Amino acid sequence: MRKLAAIFLLTMIAAPALAQDDHVQRYREEVEKSPADLANEARQQRAYQRALSAVPDQKPTDPWGIARSDGQGAPKNAAKTAPAPKPAKPTNAAAK
């Protein structure tokens, strides 16, 4: 009697797993696409490429360029500006 109960229990546990076996898509399994699906994919790809071409080209940026000490990222206009001259010190004692 115990053997029958064990077999019955195992079949009750395994039945839901076996019921799902036929219709579950396997990993990397290819599904046939209808002509409407293929046309939709082509339309989406064209729209994606059109959207990419509408984005303007941007110059490369280096947000941490000023913080580097090796001089690579130093601003280009910093080398062109001359340092401001120091104000002349007063020579007489009354100015102090």
Foldseek 3Di string as FASTA:
>chain_A
DVVVVVVVVVCVVCVVVVVPPPPDDDPPDDDDDDPVVVVVVVVVVVVVVVVVVPDDDDDDDDPCLCVDPVNPSNDPCVVVDDDDDDDDDDDDPVVD
